[in-house]
Amino acid sequence: MDGVIVMDKPQDFTSFDVVAVMRRLCHQKKIGHTGTLDPMATGVLPLLLGKATRAASLLEDTDKEYEAGFRLGYATDTQDITGKTFKESEIKASREQLEAVLPDFRGNILQLPPMYSAVQINGQRLYTLARQGIEVARETRPITIYRLDLVEFDEITQSGRLIIRCSKGTYIRTICTDIGEKLGTFGVMSSLRRTVAAGFSLADSVTLEQARALSAEGTLEEKVLPVETLFLGRSSLRVSAAQAQRFRNGGGLSLDRTTILPSDKTDGTVLRVQSPEDEFLGLGEVSIEKEELCVLRLFC
């Protein structure tokens, strides 16, 4: 199988656990995913099968959306409810106070990666150091929060739910912790469900149970989306049979001999290249210097 299958990752599974199961169900050894989800998290996990794994470094839409549960009043070493509690506070926040601090976390902000993360410092993963009880200095990183909405909040239990749309590399549990600190208390993430990733939503996904049933029926391949689905945001270019053959062989195409639109004929523009039969051949990149559409990545 070559293409994309969007999974709804279950809780307590790692992303690699899901990949391992799907390798067996798809009879495909070459499978990768587009972004790790922690074991406690659920939701959208697009898997790249076969030739689609070549697309991993070229994905256009890396923004993600989440529904995150949170609780105020205590802190854990992991910034979520799976960790060990080391601080508590009697301070209670109102919904109005909570709503008032959210604007501080929208837009372009700096975020300090948590110790329990896969960020590397001096060749070591932070979570490896954290498990040894070691905390090291980290540098803040720029992220973008496109949407941060409070969906519900119970002032008695100090728990609620947020909808967050953010850029790649955002730690949702850190947002929950930082919101707590902004309110003069503490905060942890209590649940996490990814609803959008790589341009796919929960509506596109299948559960592991569904995948197992479809595999048993021999119809799992029907849920596999074409590789081209990953790049529908790019303009397409249909080429002649001779050009298609040249492109398949890794040869660049003369810009003057293609039907590239003037608006796309700028240096670095990436296009989907299709054969006369509408077969997706791969991605081409415009080079003004060479006056060619060069092969960026082949998927045929």
C-alpha atoms as a PDB file:
ATOM      1  CA  MET A   1       0.000   0.000   0.000  1.00  0.00           C
ATOM      2  CA  ASP A   2       1.130   3.534  -0.803  1.00  0.00           C
ATOM      3  CA  GLY A   3      -0.673   6.517   0.655  1.00  0.00           C
ATOM      4  CA  VAL A   4      -2.027   7.986   3.875  1.00  0.00           C
ATOM      5  CA  ILE A   5      -4.265   6.413   6.477  1.00  0.00           C
ATOM      6  CA  VAL A   6      -5.476   8.691   9.260  1.00  0.00           C
ATOM      7  CA  MET A   7      -5.745   6.952  12.611  1.00  0.00           C
ATOM      8  CA  ASP A   8      -7.640   7.991  15.730  1.00  0.00           C
ATOM      9  CA  LYS A   9      -4.969   7.034  18.263  1.00  0.00           C
ATOM     10  CA  PRO A  10      -6.339   5.419  21.417  1.00  0.00           C
ATOM     11  CA  GLN A  11      -5.235   6.388  24.910  1.00  0.00           C
ATOM     12  CA  ASP A  12      -2.250   4.583  26.461  1.00  0.00           C
ATOM     13  CA  PHE A  13      -0.825   3.704  23.035  1.00  0.00           C
ATOM     14  CA  THR A  14       2.365   5.359  21.853  1.00  0.00           C
ATOM     15  CA  SER A  15       2.480   6.575  18.268  1.00  0.00           C
ATOM     16  CA  PHE A  16       4.959   3.778  17.569  1.00  0.00           C
ATOM     17  CA  ASP A  17       2.543   1.221  19.043  1.00  0.00           C
ATOM     18  CA  VAL A  18      -0.017   2.310  16.450  1.00  0.00           C
ATOM     19  CA  VAL A  19       2.573   2.084  13.672  1.00  0.00           C
ATOM     20  CA  ALA A  20       3.480  -1.453  14.801  1.00  0.00           C
ATOM     21  CA  VAL A  21      -0.162  -2.582  14.723  1.00  0.00           C
ATOM     22  CA  MET A  22      -0.767  -1.013  11.315  1.00  0.00           C
ATOM     23  CA  ARG A  23       2.341  -2.647   9.842  1.00  0.00           C
ATOM     24  CA  ARG A  24       0.724  -5.998  10.533  1.00  0.00           C
ATOM     25  CA  LEU A  25      -2.736  -4.988   9.352  1.00  0.00           C
ATOM     26  CA  CYS A  26      -1.509  -3.312   6.153  1.00  0.00           C
ATOM     27  CA  HIS A  27       1.199  -5.904   5.474  1.00  0.00           C
ATOM     28  CA  GLN A  28       3.481  -2.913   4.962  1.00  0.00           C
ATOM     29  CA  LYS A  29       6.832  -2.573   6.732  1.00  0.00           C
ATOM     30  CA  LYS A  30       7.478   0.963   5.555  1.00  0.00           C
ATOM     31  CA  ILE A  31       5.196   3.156   7.692  1.00  0.00           C
ATOM     32  CA  GLY A  32       5.883   6.459   9.385  1.00  0.00           C
ATOM     33  CA  HIS A  33       3.787   9.039  11.228  1.00  0.00           C
ATOM     34  CA  THR A  34       3.578  12.811  10.899  1.00  0.00           C
ATOM     35  CA  GLY A  35       3.850  13.838  14.544  1.00  0.00           C
ATOM     36  CA  THR A  36       4.180  12.044  17.868  1.00  0.00           C
ATOM     37  CA  LEU A  37       1.327  11.946  20.364  1.00  0.00           C
ATOM     38  CA  ASP A  38       2.014  11.174  24.021  1.00  0.00           C
ATOM     39  CA  PRO A  39       0.485   7.920  25.338  1.00  0.00           C
ATOM     40  CA  MET A  40      -2.207   9.783  27.324  1.00  0.00           C
ATOM     41  CA  ALA A  41      -3.294  11.702  24.204  1.00  0.00           C
ATOM     42  CA  THR A  42      -5.832  10.523  21.629  1.00  0.00           C
ATOM     43  CA  GLY A  43      -6.859  11.661  18.190  1.00  0.00           C
ATOM     44  CA  VAL A  44      -5.597  12.379  14.705  1.00  0.00           C
ATOM     45  CA  LEU A  45      -2.404  10.523  13.774  1.00  0.00           C
ATOM     46  CA  PRO A  46      -1.783  10.451  10.002  1.00  0.00           C
ATOM     47  CA  LEU A  47       0.346   7.485   8.939  1.00  0.00           C
ATOM     48  CA  LEU A  48       2.444   7.510   5.765  1.00  0.00           C
ATOM     49  CA  LEU A  49       2.551   4.174   3.956  1.00  0.00           C
ATOM     50  CA  GLY A  50       5.121   3.006   1.405  1.00  0.00           C
ATOM     51  CA  LYS A  51       6.110   5.752  -1.036  1.00  0.00           C
ATOM     52  CA  ALA A  52       4.218   8.305   1.056  1.00  0.00           C
ATOM     53  CA  THR A  53       7.016   8.166   3.661  1.00  0.00           C
ATOM     54  CA  ARG A  54       9.055  10.250   1.205  1.00  0.00           C
ATOM     55  CA  ALA A  55       6.670  13.136   1.960  1.00  0.00           C
ATOM     56  CA  ALA A  56       7.474  13.433   5.679  1.00  0.00           C
ATOM     57  CA  SER A  57       9.908  16.349   5.325  1.00  0.00           C
ATOM     58  CA  LEU A  58       7.760  18.149   2.745  1.00  0.00           C
ATOM     59  CA  LEU A  59       4.419  18.417   4.507  1.00  0.00           C
ATOM     60  CA  GLU A  60       2.876  21.833   4.015  1.00  0.00           C
ATOM     61  CA  ASP A  61       0.328  22.020   6.821  1.00  0.00           C
ATOM     62  CA  THR A  62       2.108  21.404  10.120  1.00  0.00           C
ATOM     63  CA  ASP A  63      -0.408  23.324  12.248  1.00  0.00           C
ATOM     64  CA  LYS A  64      -2.435  21.274  14.691  1.00  0.00           C
ATOM     65  CA  GLU A  65      -5.629  21.631  16.711  1.00  0.00           C
ATOM     66  CA  TYR A  66      -6.396  20.116  20.096  1.00  0.00           C
ATOM     67  CA  GLU A  67      -9.067  19.814  22.746  1.00  0.00           C
ATOM     68  CA  ALA A  68      -7.241  19.978  26.049  1.00  0.00           C
ATOM     69  CA  GLY A  69      -8.571  19.355  29.512  1.00  0.00           C
ATOM     70  CA  PHE A  70      -6.873  21.175  32.407  1.00  0.00           C
ATOM     71  CA  ARG A  71      -7.009  21.520  36.173  1.00  0.00           C
ATOM     72  CA  LEU A  72      -5.829  24.441  38.268  1.00  0.00           C
ATOM     73  CA  GLY A  73      -4.456  24.336  41.789  1.00  0.00           C
ATOM     74  CA  TYR A  74      -1.575  21.893  41.600  1.00  0.00           C
ATOM     75  CA  ALA A  75       1.615  21.201  39.665  1.00  0.00           C
ATOM     76  CA  THR A  76       3.275  17.956  38.569  1.00  0.00           C
ATOM     77  CA  ASP A  77       6.769  17.188  37.300  1.00  0.00           C
ATOM     78  CA  THR A  78       5.378  16.277  33.855  1.00  0.00           C
ATOM     79  CA  GLN A  79       2.897  19.198  33.638  1.00  0.00           C
ATOM     80  CA  ASP A  80       0.044  16.691  33.236  1.00  0.00           C
ATOM     81  CA  ILE A  81      -1.953  14.408  35.505  1.00  0.00           C
ATOM     82  CA  THR A  82       0.347  11.424  34.882  1.00  0.00           C
ATOM     83  CA  GLY A  83       3.157  13.056  36.853  1.00  0.00           C
ATOM     84  CA  LYS A  84       3.999  13.424  40.520  1.00  0.00           C
ATOM     85  CA  THR A  85       2.384  16.332  42.347  1.00  0.00           C
ATOM     86  CA  PHE A  86       4.945  18.617  43.994  1.00  0.00           C
ATOM     87  CA  LYS A  87       3.015  21.864  44.531  1.00  0.00           C
ATOM     88  CA  GLU A  88      -0.541  22.769  45.462  1.00  0.00           C
ATOM     89  CA  SER A  89      -2.417  26.045  45.876  1.00  0.00           C
ATOM     90  CA  GLU A  90      -5.637  27.072  47.608  1.00  0.00           C
ATOM     91  CA  ILE A  91      -6.110  30.001  45.228  1.00  0.00           C
ATOM     92  CA  LYS A  92      -9.312  29.747  43.182  1.00  0.00           C
ATOM     93  CA  ALA A  93      -9.738  31.380  39.769  1.00  0.00           C
ATOM     94  CA  SER A  94     -13.025  32.569  38.299  1.00  0.00           C
ATOM     95  CA  ARG A  95     -14.048  32.085  34.695  1.00  0.00           C
ATOM     96  CA  GLU A  96     -13.703  35.839  34.167  1.00  0.00           C
ATOM     97  CA  GLN A  97     -10.136  35.796  35.473  1.00  0.00           C
ATOM     98  CA  LEU A  98      -9.309  32.842  33.257  1.00  0.00           C
ATOM     99  CA  GLU A  99     -10.767  34.490  30.168  1.00  0.00           C
ATOM    100  CA  ALA A 100      -8.799  37.645  30.972  1.00  0.00           C
ATOM    101  CA  VAL A 101      -5.374  35.956  30.775  1.00  0.00           C
ATOM    102  CA  LEU A 102      -5.966  33.946  27.587  1.00  0.00           C
ATOM    103  CA  PRO A 103      -5.109  36.832  25.217  1.00  0.00           C
ATOM    104  CA  ASP A 104      -1.554  36.739  26.622  1.00  0.00           C
ATOM    105  CA  PHE A 105      -1.141  33.291  25.067  1.00  0.00           C
ATOM    106  CA  ARG A 106      -2.558  34.027  21.605  1.00  0.00           C
ATOM    107  CA  GLY A 107      -0.433  34.953  18.600  1.00  0.00           C
ATOM    108  CA  ASN A 108       3.350  34.707  18.417  1.00  0.00           C
ATOM    109  CA  ILE A 109       4.755  33.833  21.829  1.00  0.00           C
ATOM    110  CA  LEU A 110       7.845  32.248  23.383  1.00  0.00           C
ATOM    111  CA  GLN A 111       7.519  28.909  25.155  1.00  0.00           C
ATOM    112  CA  LEU A 112       9.968  27.100  27.423  1.00  0.00           C
ATOM    113  CA  PRO A 113      10.090  23.379  26.501  1.00  0.00           C
ATOM    114  CA  PRO A 114       9.263  21.141  29.478  1.00  0.00           C
ATOM    115  CA  MET A 115      11.868  18.809  30.935  1.00  0.00           C
ATOM    116  CA  TYR A 116       9.685  15.851  30.025  1.00  0.00           C
ATOM    117  CA  SER A 117      10.045  16.387  26.266  1.00  0.00           C
ATOM    118  CA  ALA A 118      12.007  14.989  23.330  1.00  0.00           C
ATOM    119  CA  VAL A 119      14.012  18.203  22.891  1.00  0.00           C
ATOM    120  CA  GLN A 120      17.742  17.496  22.755  1.00  0.00           C
ATOM    121  CA  ILE A 121      20.391  19.444  24.660  1.00  0.00           C
ATOM    122  CA  ASN A 122      24.029  18.440  24.183  1.00  0.00           C
ATOM    123  CA  GLY A 123      22.881  15.253  22.470  1.00  0.00           C
ATOM    124  CA  GLN A 124      20.586  14.128  25.289  1.00  0.00           C
ATOM    125  CA  ARG A 125      16.799  14.047  25.321  1.00  0.00           C
ATOM    126  CA  LEU A 126      15.356  16.183  28.086  1.00  0.00           C
ATOM    127  CA  TYR A 127      13.038  13.393  29.260  1.00  0.00           C
ATOM    128  CA  THR A 128      16.092  11.162  29.825  1.00  0.00           C
ATOM    129  CA  LEU A 129      17.579  13.768  32.157  1.00  0.00           C
ATOM    130  CA  ALA A 130      14.210  14.408  33.818  1.00  0.00           C
ATOM    131  CA  ARG A 131      13.837  10.721  34.694  1.00  0.00           C
ATOM    132  CA  GLN A 132      17.193  10.958  36.463  1.00  0.00           C
ATOM    133  CA  GLY A 133      15.958  13.926  38.463  1.00  0.00           C
ATOM    134  CA  ILE A 134      18.171  16.332  36.528  1.00  0.00           C
ATOM    135  CA  GLU A 135      16.875  19.722  35.404  1.00  0.00           C
ATOM    136  CA  VAL A 136      18.887  21.801  32.946  1.00  0.00           C
ATOM    137  CA  ALA A 137      18.581  25.291  31.530  1.00  0.00           C
ATOM    138  CA  ARG A 138      16.516  25.513  28.351  1.00  0.00           C
ATOM    139  CA  GLU A 139      15.983  28.288  25.858  1.00  0.00           C
ATOM    140  CA  THR A 140      12.526  29.531  24.978  1.00  0.00           C
ATOM    141  CA  ARG A 141      11.262  28.790  21.490  1.00  0.00           C
ATOM    142  CA  PRO A 142       8.941  30.812  19.248  1.00  0.00           C
ATOM    143  CA  ILE A 143       5.518  29.261  18.625  1.00  0.00           C
ATOM    144  CA  THR A 144       2.231  30.578  17.293  1.00  0.00           C
ATOM    145  CA  ILE A 145      -1.167  30.095  18.922  1.00  0.00           C
ATOM    146  CA  TYR A 146      -3.777  30.782  16.253  1.00  0.00           C
ATOM    147  CA  ARG A 147      -6.750  29.920  18.431  1.00  0.00           C
ATOM    148  CA  LEU A 148      -7.183  29.577  22.192  1.00  0.00           C
ATOM    149  CA  ASP A 149     -10.772  29.348  23.375  1.00  0.00           C
ATOM    150  CA  LEU A 150     -12.188  28.353  26.739  1.00  0.00           C
ATOM    151  CA  VAL A 151     -14.956  25.833  26.059  1.00  0.00           C
ATOM    152  CA  GLU A 152     -15.943  25.103  29.659  1.00  0.00           C
ATOM    153  CA  PHE A 153     -14.771  25.799  33.198  1.00  0.00           C
ATOM    154  CA  ASP A 154     -16.068  24.580  36.551  1.00  0.00           C
ATOM    155  CA  GLU A 155     -15.115  27.042  39.269  1.00  0.00           C
ATOM    156  CA  ILE A 156     -15.740  24.476  42.001  1.00  0.00           C
ATOM    157  CA  THR A 157     -13.430  21.765  40.629  1.00  0.00           C
ATOM    158  CA  GLN A 158     -11.161  24.332  38.918  1.00  0.00           C
ATOM    159  CA  SER A 159     -11.188  22.175  35.807  1.00  0.00           C
ATOM    160  CA  GLY A 160     -12.064  23.010  32.230  1.00  0.00           C
ATOM    161  CA  ARG A 161     -11.437  22.468  28.558  1.00  0.00           C
ATOM    162  CA  LEU A 162      -9.641  24.509  25.892  1.00  0.00           C
ATOM    163  CA  ILE A 163      -9.580  24.436  22.113  1.00  0.00           C
ATOM    164  CA  ILE A 164      -6.098  25.251  20.848  1.00  0.00           C
ATOM    165  CA  ARG A 165      -4.897  25.629  17.265  1.00  0.00           C
ATOM    166  CA  CYS A 166      -1.147  26.038  17.149  1.00  0.00           C
ATOM    167  CA  SER A 167       2.070  25.744  15.194  1.00  0.00           C
ATOM    168  CA  LYS A 168       4.350  22.731  15.155  1.00  0.00           C
ATOM    169  CA  GLY A 169       6.427  22.240  18.296  1.00  0.00           C
ATOM    170  CA  THR A 170       3.855  23.637  20.736  1.00  0.00           C
ATOM    171  CA  TYR A 171       3.566  21.887  24.105  1.00  0.00           C
ATOM    172  CA  ILE A 172      -0.075  21.998  25.184  1.00  0.00           C
ATOM    173  CA  ARG A 173       0.690  20.907  28.753  1.00  0.00           C
ATOM    174  CA  THR A 174       3.071  23.838  29.075  1.00  0.00           C
ATOM    175  CA  ILE A 175       0.280  26.193  28.025  1.00  0.00           C
ATOM    176  CA  CYS A 176      -1.905  24.759  30.823  1.00  0.00           C
ATOM    177  CA  THR A 177       0.942  25.210  33.309  1.00  0.00           C
ATOM    178  CA  ASP A 178       1.713  28.748  32.171  1.00  0.00           C
ATOM    179  CA  ILE A 179      -1.961  29.760  32.359  1.00  0.00           C
ATOM    180  CA  GLY A 180      -2.022  28.542  35.959  1.00  0.00           C
ATOM    181  CA  GLU A 181       1.072  30.582  36.808  1.00  0.00           C
ATOM    182  CA  LYS A 182      -0.443  33.650  35.164  1.00  0.00           C
ATOM    183  CA  LEU A 183      -3.426  33.254  37.493  1.00  0.00           C
ATOM    184  CA  GLY A 184      -1.158  33.068  40.554  1.00  0.00           C
ATOM    185  CA  THR A 185      -1.729  29.348  41.029  1.00  0.00           C
ATOM    186  CA  PHE A 186      -0.664  26.152  39.255  1.00  0.00           C
ATOM    187  CA  GLY A 187      -2.060  24.179  36.351  1.00  0.00           C
ATOM    188  CA  VAL A 188      -1.777  20.785  34.683  1.00  0.00           C
ATOM    189  CA  MET A 189      -3.159  19.188  31.543  1.00  0.00           C
ATOM    190  CA  SER A 190      -5.741  16.521  32.376  1.00  0.00           C
ATOM    191  CA  SER A 191      -6.547  15.232  28.882  1.00  0.00           C
ATOM    192  CA  LEU A 192      -5.556  15.816  25.275  1.00  0.00           C
ATOM    193  CA  ARG A 193      -7.299  15.009  22.003  1.00  0.00           C
ATOM    194  CA  ARG A 194      -5.802  16.073  18.683  1.00  0.00           C
ATOM    195  CA  THR A 195      -8.595  17.006  16.305  1.00  0.00           C
ATOM    196  CA  VAL A 196      -6.572  18.266  13.320  1.00  0.00           C
ATOM    197  CA  ALA A 197      -3.094  17.408  12.007  1.00  0.00           C
ATOM    198  CA  ALA A 198      -1.410  17.690   8.583  1.00  0.00           C
ATOM    199  CA  GLY A 199      -4.671  19.002   7.145  1.00  0.00           C
ATOM    200  CA  PHE A 200      -6.682  15.961   8.303  1.00  0.00           C
ATOM    201  CA  SER A 201      -9.427  15.873  10.932  1.00  0.00           C
ATOM    202  CA  LEU A 202     -11.166  13.277  13.080  1.00  0.00           C
ATOM    203  CA  ALA A 203     -13.763  12.909  10.291  1.00  0.00           C
ATOM    204  CA  ASP A 204     -10.972  11.446   8.109  1.00  0.00           C
ATOM    205  CA  SER A 205      -9.787   8.985  10.736  1.00  0.00           C
ATOM    206  CA  VAL A 206     -10.405   5.351  11.644  1.00  0.00           C
ATOM    207  CA  THR A 207      -9.940   3.685  15.022  1.00  0.00           C
ATOM    208  CA  LEU A 208      -7.697   0.687  15.570  1.00  0.00           C
ATOM    209  CA  GLU A 209     -10.790  -1.448  16.088  1.00  0.00           C
ATOM    210  CA  GLN A 210     -12.198  -0.310  12.752  1.00  0.00           C
ATOM    211  CA  ALA A 211      -8.843  -0.913  11.060  1.00  0.00           C
ATOM    212  CA  ARG A 212      -8.688  -4.460  12.446  1.00  0.00           C
ATOM    213  CA  ALA A 213     -12.230  -5.194  11.203  1.00  0.00           C
ATOM    214  CA  LEU A 214     -11.522  -3.738   7.758  1.00  0.00           C
ATOM    215  CA  SER A 215      -8.276  -5.703   7.510  1.00  0.00           C
ATOM    216  CA  ALA A 216     -10.127  -8.926   8.340  1.00  0.00           C
ATOM    217  CA  GLU A 217     -12.628  -8.105   5.573  1.00  0.00           C
ATOM    218  CA  GLY A 218      -9.841  -7.284   3.135  1.00  0.00           C
ATOM    219  CA  THR A 219     -11.133  -3.719   2.654  1.00  0.00           C
ATOM    220  CA  LEU A 220      -8.634  -1.699   4.700  1.00  0.00           C
ATOM    221  CA  GLU A 221      -7.021  -0.330   1.536  1.00  0.00           C
ATOM    222  CA  GLU A 222     -10.233   1.599   0.848  1.00  0.00           C
ATOM    223  CA  LYS A 223      -9.330   3.873   3.770  1.00  0.00           C
ATOM    224  CA  VAL A 224      -5.902   4.674   2.336  1.00  0.00           C
ATOM    225  CA  LEU A 225      -5.827   8.136   0.779  1.00  0.00           C
ATOM    226  CA  PRO A 226      -3.619   8.939  -2.238  1.00  0.00           C
ATOM    227  CA  VAL A 227      -0.192  10.436  -1.548  1.00  0.00           C
ATOM    228  CA  GLU A 228      -1.245  13.515  -3.518  1.00  0.00           C
ATOM    229  CA  THR A 229      -3.788  14.285  -0.772  1.00  0.00           C
ATOM    230  CA  LEU A 230      -0.890  15.616   1.286  1.00  0.00           C
ATOM    231  CA  PHE A 231      -0.181  18.348  -1.267  1.00  0.00           C
ATOM    232  CA  LEU A 232      -3.583  19.543  -2.453  1.00  0.00           C
ATOM    233  CA  GLY A 233      -2.662  23.046  -1.337  1.00  0.00           C
ATOM    234  CA  ARG A 234      -0.111  23.190  -4.173  1.00  0.00           C
ATOM    235  CA  SER A 235      -0.950  24.127  -7.754  1.00  0.00           C
ATOM    236  CA  SER A 236      -0.930  21.231 -10.211  1.00  0.00           C
ATOM    237  CA  LEU A 237       0.796  20.977 -13.583  1.00  0.00           C
ATOM    238  CA  ARG A 238      -0.208  18.444 -16.229  1.00  0.00           C
ATOM    239  CA  VAL A 239       2.680  17.555 -18.528  1.00  0.00           C
ATOM    240  CA  SER A 240       2.963  15.716 -21.853  1.00  0.00           C
ATOM    241  CA  ALA A 241       3.784  12.011 -22.102  1.00  0.00           C
ATOM    242  CA  ALA A 242       7.382  12.779 -23.090  1.00  0.00           C
ATOM    243  CA  GLN A 243       7.766  15.245 -20.220  1.00  0.00           C
ATOM    244  CA  ALA A 244       6.247  12.747 -17.794  1.00  0.00           C
ATOM    245  CA  GLN A 245       8.827  10.158 -18.799  1.00  0.00           C
ATOM    246  CA  ARG A 246      11.658  12.661 -18.413  1.00  0.00           C
ATOM    247  CA  PHE A 247      10.366  13.742 -15.005  1.00  0.00           C
ATOM    248  CA  ARG A 248      10.068  10.092 -13.856  1.00  0.00           C
ATOM    249  CA  ASN A 249      13.727   9.655 -14.767  1.00  0.00           C
ATOM    250  CA  GLY A 250      14.729  12.643 -12.646  1.00  0.00           C
ATOM    251  CA  GLY A 251      15.099  15.155 -15.446  1.00  0.00           C
ATOM    252  CA  GLY A 252      14.097  18.797 -15.149  1.00  0.00           C
ATOM    253  CA  LEU A 253      11.491  20.297 -17.476  1.00  0.00           C
ATOM    254  CA  SER A 254      12.106  23.496 -19.417  1.00  0.00           C
ATOM    255  CA  LEU A 255       9.844  26.215 -18.030  1.00  0.00           C
ATOM    256  CA  ASP A 256       9.171  27.556 -21.526  1.00  0.00           C
ATOM    257  CA  ARG A 257       7.828  24.167 -22.612  1.00  0.00           C
ATOM    258  CA  THR A 258       5.337  23.785 -19.777  1.00  0.00           C
ATOM    259  CA  THR A 259       1.967  25.387 -19.099  1.00  0.00           C
ATOM    260  CA  ILE A 260       3.007  26.810 -15.732  1.00  0.00           C
ATOM    261  CA  LEU A 261       0.946  29.868 -14.869  1.00  0.00           C
ATOM    262  CA  PRO A 262       2.872  33.159 -14.699  1.00  0.00           C
ATOM    263  CA  SER A 263       1.913  33.476 -11.011  1.00  0.00           C
ATOM    264  CA  ASP A 264       3.636  30.141 -10.302  1.00  0.00           C
ATOM    265  CA  LYS A 265       6.741  30.898 -12.344  1.00  0.00           C
ATOM    266  CA  THR A 266       8.723  32.237  -9.391  1.00  0.00           C
ATOM    267  CA  ASP A 267      11.880  30.801  -7.896  1.00  0.00           C
ATOM    268  CA  GLY A 268      11.207  28.060  -5.341  1.00  0.00           C
ATOM    269  CA  THR A 269       7.554  27.511  -6.207  1.00  0.00           C
ATOM    270  CA  VAL A 270       6.592  23.863  -5.668  1.00  0.00           C
ATOM    271  CA  LEU A 271       4.027  22.221  -7.958  1.00  0.00           C
ATOM    272  CA  ARG A 272       2.252  18.892  -8.145  1.00  0.00           C
ATOM    273  CA  VAL A 273       3.231  17.233 -11.430  1.00  0.00           C
ATOM    274  CA  GLN A 274       0.680  14.987 -13.150  1.00  0.00           C
ATOM    275  CA  SER A 275       0.910  12.797 -16.242  1.00  0.00           C
ATOM    276  CA  PRO A 276      -1.574  13.109 -19.127  1.00  0.00           C
ATOM    277  CA  GLU A 277      -3.497  10.265 -17.407  1.00  0.00           C
ATOM    278  CA  ASP A 278      -3.685  12.288 -14.146  1.00  0.00           C
ATOM    279  CA  GLU A 279      -1.131  10.083 -12.385  1.00  0.00           C
ATOM    280  CA  PHE A 280       0.617  11.965  -9.596  1.00  0.00           C
ATOM    281  CA  LEU A 281       4.304  11.796 -10.473  1.00  0.00           C
ATOM    282  CA  GLY A 282       5.723  13.943  -7.706  1.00  0.00           C
ATOM    283  CA  LEU A 283       6.695  17.480  -6.786  1.00  0.00           C
ATOM    284  CA  GLY A 284       8.634  19.865  -8.974  1.00  0.00           C
ATOM    285  CA  GLU A 285      10.390  23.052  -7.867  1.00  0.00           C
ATOM    286  CA  VAL A 286      10.840  26.086 -10.095  1.00  0.00           C
ATOM    287  CA  SER A 287      14.444  27.164 -10.658  1.00  0.00           C
ATOM    288  CA  ILE A 288      14.736  30.500 -12.415  1.00  0.00           C
ATOM    289  CA  GLU A 289      18.511  30.103 -12.651  1.00  0.00           C
ATOM    290  CA  LYS A 290      18.205  26.809 -14.523  1.00  0.00           C
ATOM    291  CA  GLU A 291      14.987  27.878 -16.269  1.00  0.00           C
ATOM    292  CA  GLU A 292      13.611  24.485 -15.294  1.00  0.00           C
ATOM    293  CA  LEU A 293      11.043  22.766 -13.160  1.00  0.00           C
ATOM    294  CA  CYS A 294      13.414  20.538 -11.227  1.00  0.00           C
ATOM    295  CA  VAL A 295      12.434  17.278  -9.551  1.00  0.00           C
ATOM    296  CA  LEU A 296      11.932  17.887  -5.835  1.00  0.00           C
ATOM    297  CA  ARG A 297      10.537  14.453  -4.916  1.00  0.00           C
ATOM    298  CA  LEU A 298       9.179  11.556  -6.966  1.00  0.00           C
ATOM    299  CA  PHE A 299       6.223   9.446  -5.797  1.00  0.00           C
ATOM    300  CA  CYS A 300       5.647   7.370  -8.920  1.00  0.00           C
END
